[in-house]
Amino acid sequence: MNGLITGAVAGLLATIPMTLAMKAMHEQLPAEEKYPLPPRLIVENAEEAAGVEDKLEEKDEQSLTLVSHFAYGSAAGAAYGAALNAVDARPNAMNGVAYGLGVWTASYLGLLPALGLLAPATEHPARRNALMIAAHVVWGASLGWTAGHLNGSDGQPDR
């Protein structure tokens, strides 16, 4: 499989454990920090920007949140696969974690605030940032491991 496709599939699949981790960690937050997680906030802010914030039913907003979250994970995974191909490196859990942390940094401190879809991470409580960083570590490790296995390797760093 080529890196772009492998990365996209691995990114999509890696979003499953990430989402489960986010949900479990969100439940542990204090009540005042249990407002919706970023994927939902991003959808709500995009709806507001498009002028359709009160036009969707709750079930449709939930579906849109899941679809957009998994699509972002898949797209970011595709970029991971393409980048590894460009530098002739094999995917593994270690470089996946590094990439996942890079995705968090680029997304939560750059892209999403620049698009007006989410306040920068510097404006969110530390526990919520820790939750999202941990979720991106889970995603990155899963991404690298899965991409490595799809490529026929063991998904572990080279020894």
Foldseek 3Di string as FASTA:
>chain_A
DALLQLQLVLLLVLVVVLVVLLVVLLVVDPPVQNDDALLLLLLLQVCVVVVNNPPDDPVVSVVSSVVVSSNVSSNLRSVVRVVCVVVVHAFALVVLLVSLLVCCCCCQQPDCVVVVRDHHPVPHDPSSSVSSNVSSSSSSSSSRQSSNVVVVHRRHDDD
